[in-house]
Amino acid sequence: MTNARYCRFLHEGRAHHGRVEGNEVVVLNAAPWAGGKDTGIRRSLAGLTLLVPSDASKVVCIGQNYRKHAEEMGKPVPPEPLIFIKPSTALNGMGSPIRIPKASQEVHYEAELALVIGERVRNADEATAARAIWGLTCFNDVTARDIQKREIQHTRAKGYDTFACAGPWAVTGLSAGDLRIVCRVNGQVRQDSRTSDMIFSPARLVSFISQGMTLLPGDLVSTGTPSGVGKLEAGDTVEVEVEGIGTLVNPVEMEP
């Protein structure tokens, strides 16, 4: 698999897939993991509204997958991956605002590396799971921390609309083993770590998840956040940068 960048974008009210080449996007006739071919149409990247790179049926997230983050949350290193799901309605693309719900007074950023699944995966061993990881993207696992602490369960705290930010595109052919991951809020670094601090590898995560549910092409698996999580306020701009991929940028505002 060659290293390439792929995006989804909005044009005339419809979502399209494309391959990013310099300052242009080559429009594809289908999702790239489904064999989408070049249409010959090119569009300027600068003028496009970028969407989440895949039309995921679900987002499966991992809790406490970085040793130092487990420490800062006062939690032990888990013996096996801790998984939860964000609904597809939480998906939020590049430049689209994160909306702080009225029910929460403590919404946090969580910079993460996410995996884009390229084929149907069920009961997979790690070798099969690794082959099913089509690409990588930046992810922000936005969390209503006060609600999470009260309820213990993750569903409401993690599942609000706009709380699953992904983009700006997905990259193929990039090893996830040791990438720098940085979060900035208003230009100030809040998280700075490497994916080599993960407790469970991407292949292990996908294999484990597939024992309990079927992963479909386009689904996202977010691999956990490093230490340094913290609060977002209306008016902030949050960036998630992953080495070799790019930078996902989202403004923050109050829910209307």
Protein backbone atom coordinates (compact mmCIF):
# COMPACT_ATOMS: atom_id res chain seq x y z
CA MET A 1 0.00 0.00 0.00
CA THR A 2 1.47 3.36 -1.01
CA ASN A 3 1.39 6.37 1.27
CA ALA A 4 -1.47 8.62 0.15
CA ARG A 5 -4.03 11.05 1.59
CA TYR A 6 -7.76 10.55 1.06
CA CYS A 7 -10.61 12.83 2.07
CA ARG A 8 -14.37 13.22 1.94
CA PHE A 9 -15.74 16.59 0.97
CA LEU A 10 -19.00 18.38 0.32
CA HIS A 11 -19.82 19.60 -3.18
CA GLU A 12 -23.23 20.87 -4.26
CA GLY A 13 -24.86 19.27 -1.24
CA ARG A 14 -23.36 15.82 -1.76
CA ALA A 15 -20.48 13.98 -0.11
CA HIS A 16 -17.67 12.80 -2.38
CA HIS A 17 -14.45 10.86 -1.85
CA GLY A 18 -11.15 12.15 -3.17
CA ARG A 19 -7.41 11.67 -3.18
CA VAL A 20 -5.41 14.69 -2.05
CA GLU A 21 -2.56 15.61 -4.39
CA GLY A 22 -0.79 18.81 -3.39
CA ASN A 23 -3.33 21.63 -3.44
CA GLU A 24 -5.90 19.63 -5.38
CA VAL A 25 -8.30 16.77 -4.79
CA VAL A 26 -8.79 14.09 -7.43
CA VAL A 27 -12.47 13.06 -7.21
CA LEU A 28 -13.12 9.31 -6.87
CA ASN A 29 -16.26 7.45 -7.92
CA ALA A 30 -16.48 5.47 -4.64
CA ALA A 31 -14.76 5.08 -1.30
CA PRO A 32 -11.07 4.31 -1.78
CA TRP A 33 -11.21 1.23 0.48
CA ALA A 34 -13.98 -0.04 -1.82
CA GLY A 35 -11.85 0.38 -4.94
CA GLY A 36 -12.92 3.90 -5.91
CA LYS A 37 -11.38 5.05 -9.20
CA ASP A 38 -10.30 8.45 -10.45
CA THR A 39 -13.04 10.32 -12.29
CA GLY A 40 -10.60 12.74 -13.87
CA ILE A 41 -12.27 15.62 -12.07
CA ARG A 42 -10.02 17.82 -9.94
CA ARG A 43 -11.03 20.42 -7.38
CA SER A 44 -9.04 22.97 -5.43
CA LEU A 45 -8.47 21.77 -1.87
CA ALA A 46 -8.62 25.32 -0.53
CA GLY A 47 -12.27 25.79 -1.48
CA LEU A 48 -13.64 22.52 -0.14
CA THR A 49 -15.61 21.76 3.00
CA LEU A 50 -13.88 18.67 4.39
CA LEU A 51 -16.03 16.03 6.05
CA VAL A 52 -15.02 13.15 8.32
CA PRO A 53 -12.79 10.96 6.10
CA SER A 54 -15.13 7.96 6.25
CA ASP A 55 -18.89 7.56 6.48
CA ALA A 56 -18.56 5.37 9.57
CA SER A 57 -21.49 3.31 10.80
CA LYS A 58 -19.96 3.54 14.28
CA VAL A 59 -16.93 4.84 16.14
CA VAL A 60 -15.38 2.39 18.57
CA CYS A 61 -13.16 4.10 21.14
CA ILE A 62 -10.64 2.81 23.64
CA GLY A 63 -10.30 4.01 27.22
CA GLN A 64 -7.04 4.17 29.20
CA ASN A 65 -4.78 2.93 26.42
CA TYR A 66 -1.81 5.15 27.33
CA ARG A 67 0.07 4.35 30.51
CA LYS A 68 0.49 7.98 31.63
CA HIS A 69 -3.17 8.82 30.94
CA ALA A 70 -4.29 5.89 33.09
CA GLU A 71 -2.07 7.32 35.85
CA GLU A 72 -3.50 10.85 35.58
CA MET A 73 -7.05 9.47 35.75
CA GLY A 74 -6.14 7.42 38.83
CA LYS A 75 -6.94 4.17 37.04
CA PRO A 76 -4.91 0.94 36.86
CA VAL A 77 -3.51 -0.31 33.57
CA PRO A 78 -6.38 -2.40 32.18
CA PRO A 79 -5.78 -6.14 31.61
CA GLU A 80 -7.62 -5.96 28.29
CA PRO A 81 -8.89 -3.10 26.07
CA LEU A 82 -11.75 -1.01 27.49
CA ILE A 83 -14.15 -0.17 24.67
CA PHE A 84 -17.09 2.17 24.22
CA ILE A 85 -18.99 3.45 21.19
CA LYS A 86 -19.78 6.90 19.89
CA PRO A 87 -22.81 7.16 17.60
CA SER A 88 -22.38 8.20 13.98
CA THR A 89 -24.37 11.37 14.82
CA ALA A 90 -21.39 12.54 16.94
CA LEU A 91 -19.08 12.66 13.89
CA ASN A 92 -17.64 16.10 13.22
CA GLY A 93 -15.30 17.14 10.41
CA MET A 94 -12.42 19.54 9.94
CA GLY A 95 -13.31 23.14 10.86
CA SER A 96 -16.78 22.26 12.13
CA PRO A 97 -17.52 23.56 15.64
CA ILE A 98 -17.53 21.45 18.77
CA ARG A 99 -20.69 22.42 20.64
CA ILE A 100 -20.62 22.40 24.45
CA PRO A 101 -23.97 21.01 25.64
CA LYS A 102 -25.94 22.92 28.23
CA ALA A 103 -25.91 19.82 30.46
CA SER A 104 -22.13 19.94 30.99
CA GLN A 105 -19.82 22.37 32.75
CA GLU A 106 -16.60 20.45 32.00
CA VAL A 107 -16.04 19.40 28.39
CA HIS A 108 -12.56 18.02 27.69
CA TYR A 109 -10.43 17.49 24.59
CA GLU A 110 -8.75 14.10 24.02
CA ALA A 111 -6.27 13.93 21.13
CA GLU A 112 -6.12 10.49 19.55
CA LEU A 113 -5.00 8.45 16.58
CA ALA A 114 -7.90 6.75 14.81
CA LEU A 115 -7.90 3.76 12.49
CA VAL A 116 -10.07 3.58 9.37
CA ILE A 117 -11.32 0.05 8.78
CA GLY A 118 -11.19 -1.06 5.16
CA GLU A 119 -13.03 -4.39 5.18
CA ARG A 120 -15.56 -6.39 7.17
CA VAL A 121 -13.88 -7.77 10.31
CA ARG A 122 -15.30 -10.43 12.61
CA ASN A 123 -13.46 -12.76 15.02
CA ALA A 124 -10.12 -11.74 13.51
CA ASP A 125 -6.68 -12.69 14.78
CA GLU A 126 -4.12 -9.90 15.03
CA ALA A 127 -2.57 -10.56 11.62
CA THR A 128 -5.98 -10.39 9.93
CA ALA A 129 -6.91 -7.33 11.98
CA ALA A 130 -3.73 -5.53 10.93
CA ARG A 131 -4.56 -6.10 7.26
CA ALA A 132 -8.05 -4.67 7.82
CA ILE A 133 -6.66 -1.31 8.99
CA TRP A 134 -6.91 0.67 5.76
CA GLY A 135 -5.68 4.06 6.98
CA LEU A 136 -5.05 6.44 9.87
CA THR A 137 -6.56 9.79 10.80
CA CYS A 138 -6.55 12.39 13.60
CA PHE A 139 -9.33 12.18 16.18
CA ASN A 140 -10.64 14.26 19.08
CA ASP A 141 -12.62 12.17 21.58
CA VAL A 142 -14.50 15.12 23.11
CA THR A 143 -15.89 14.22 26.53
CA ALA A 144 -18.30 15.77 29.03
CA ARG A 145 -16.07 14.83 31.96
CA ASP A 146 -18.46 15.91 34.72
CA ILE A 147 -21.19 13.70 33.28
CA GLN A 148 -18.75 10.82 32.85
CA LYS A 149 -17.69 11.08 36.49
CA ARG A 150 -21.30 11.16 37.72
CA GLU A 151 -22.59 8.33 35.58
CA ILE A 152 -19.46 6.15 35.36
CA GLN A 153 -20.83 4.92 32.02
CA HIS A 154 -19.48 6.63 28.90
CA THR A 155 -22.43 6.75 26.52
CA ARG A 156 -23.95 10.15 27.26
CA ALA A 157 -20.67 11.86 28.17
CA LYS A 158 -19.00 10.75 24.95
CA GLY A 159 -21.92 10.66 22.55
CA TYR A 160 -23.13 14.24 22.15
CA ASP A 161 -23.39 15.64 18.63
CA THR A 162 -20.00 17.02 17.46
CA PHE A 163 -18.05 14.95 20.06
CA ALA A 164 -16.29 12.68 17.51
CA CYS A 165 -14.01 14.96 15.50
CA ALA A 166 -12.00 13.25 12.75
CA GLY A 167 -9.85 14.43 9.85
CA PRO A 168 -8.73 16.37 8.01
CA TRP A 169 -8.09 13.25 5.86
CA ALA A 170 -6.96 9.66 6.20
CA VAL A 171 -3.47 8.49 5.29
CA THR A 172 -2.57 5.04 3.96
CA GLY A 173 0.78 3.26 4.17
CA LEU A 174 1.76 4.84 7.50
CA SER A 175 2.88 2.74 10.47
CA ALA A 176 0.98 3.55 13.68
CA GLY A 177 3.72 2.19 15.95
CA ASP A 178 5.54 5.37 16.95
CA LEU A 179 3.89 8.60 15.84
CA ARG A 180 3.99 11.90 17.72
CA ILE A 181 0.55 13.10 18.79
CA VAL A 182 0.03 16.70 19.93
CA CYS A 183 -2.99 18.66 21.13
CA ARG A 184 -3.02 22.46 21.17
CA VAL A 185 -5.69 24.76 22.57
CA ASN A 186 -5.42 28.34 21.29
CA GLY A 187 -1.90 27.52 20.11
CA GLN A 188 -0.68 26.22 23.48
CA VAL A 189 0.48 22.60 23.70
CA ARG A 190 -1.68 20.59 26.12
CA GLN A 191 -0.81 17.02 25.10
CA ASP A 192 2.45 15.78 23.58
CA SER A 193 3.17 12.07 23.43
CA ARG A 194 3.91 9.19 21.08
CA THR A 195 1.76 6.25 20.05
CA SER A 196 4.54 3.96 21.28
CA ASP A 197 3.16 4.62 24.81
CA MET A 198 0.00 2.68 23.92
CA ILE A 199 -0.75 -0.32 26.11
CA PHE A 200 -2.50 -2.26 23.33
CA SER A 201 -1.41 -2.04 19.68
CA PRO A 202 -3.83 -1.11 16.88
CA ALA A 203 -3.89 -4.70 15.60
CA ARG A 204 -4.65 -5.99 19.10
CA LEU A 205 -7.46 -3.45 19.46
CA VAL A 206 -9.13 -4.34 16.16
CA SER A 207 -8.80 -8.06 16.88
CA PHE A 208 -10.29 -7.64 20.37
CA ILE A 209 -13.19 -5.47 19.17
CA SER A 210 -13.98 -7.94 16.38
CA GLN A 211 -14.55 -10.70 18.93
CA GLY A 212 -17.57 -8.78 20.21
CA MET A 213 -18.93 -6.92 17.19
CA THR A 214 -18.52 -6.78 13.44
CA LEU A 215 -16.49 -3.87 12.14
CA LEU A 216 -17.61 -2.60 8.74
CA PRO A 217 -15.69 -0.79 5.99
CA GLY A 218 -15.40 2.88 6.92
CA ASP A 219 -15.82 2.32 10.67
CA LEU A 220 -13.44 4.25 12.90
CA VAL A 221 -11.49 2.83 15.84
CA SER A 222 -9.99 5.53 18.04
CA THR A 223 -7.04 4.21 19.99
CA GLY A 224 -7.08 6.20 23.24
CA THR A 225 -5.59 9.47 24.43
CA PRO A 226 -2.26 10.28 26.10
CA SER A 227 -1.94 12.27 29.32
CA GLY A 228 -2.73 15.98 29.52
CA VAL A 229 -6.49 16.06 28.92
CA GLY A 230 -8.24 19.25 29.98
CA LYS A 231 -11.13 21.65 29.67
CA LEU A 232 -12.44 23.43 26.60
CA GLU A 233 -14.29 26.76 26.70
CA ALA A 234 -16.50 28.49 24.15
CA GLY A 235 -14.25 30.59 21.91
CA ASP A 236 -11.34 28.11 22.03
CA THR A 237 -9.76 26.54 18.98
CA VAL A 238 -8.48 23.00 19.48
CA GLU A 239 -5.96 21.26 17.22
CA VAL A 240 -5.02 17.58 17.07
CA GLU A 241 -1.83 16.94 15.12
CA VAL A 242 -0.55 13.45 14.36
CA GLU A 243 2.85 12.97 12.77
CA GLY A 244 2.62 11.94 9.12
CA ILE A 245 -1.10 12.77 8.88
CA GLY A 246 -1.76 16.46 9.49
CA THR A 247 -3.72 18.69 11.83
CA LEU A 248 -7.42 18.51 12.70
CA VAL A 249 -8.76 21.94 13.75
CA ASN A 250 -12.13 22.64 15.39
CA PRO A 251 -13.49 25.82 17.01
CA VAL A 252 -15.53 25.51 20.21
CA GLU A 253 -18.88 27.16 20.88
CA MET A 254 -21.87 26.76 23.16
CA GLU A 255 -24.81 24.69 22.04
CA PRO A 256 -27.39 27.07 20.53
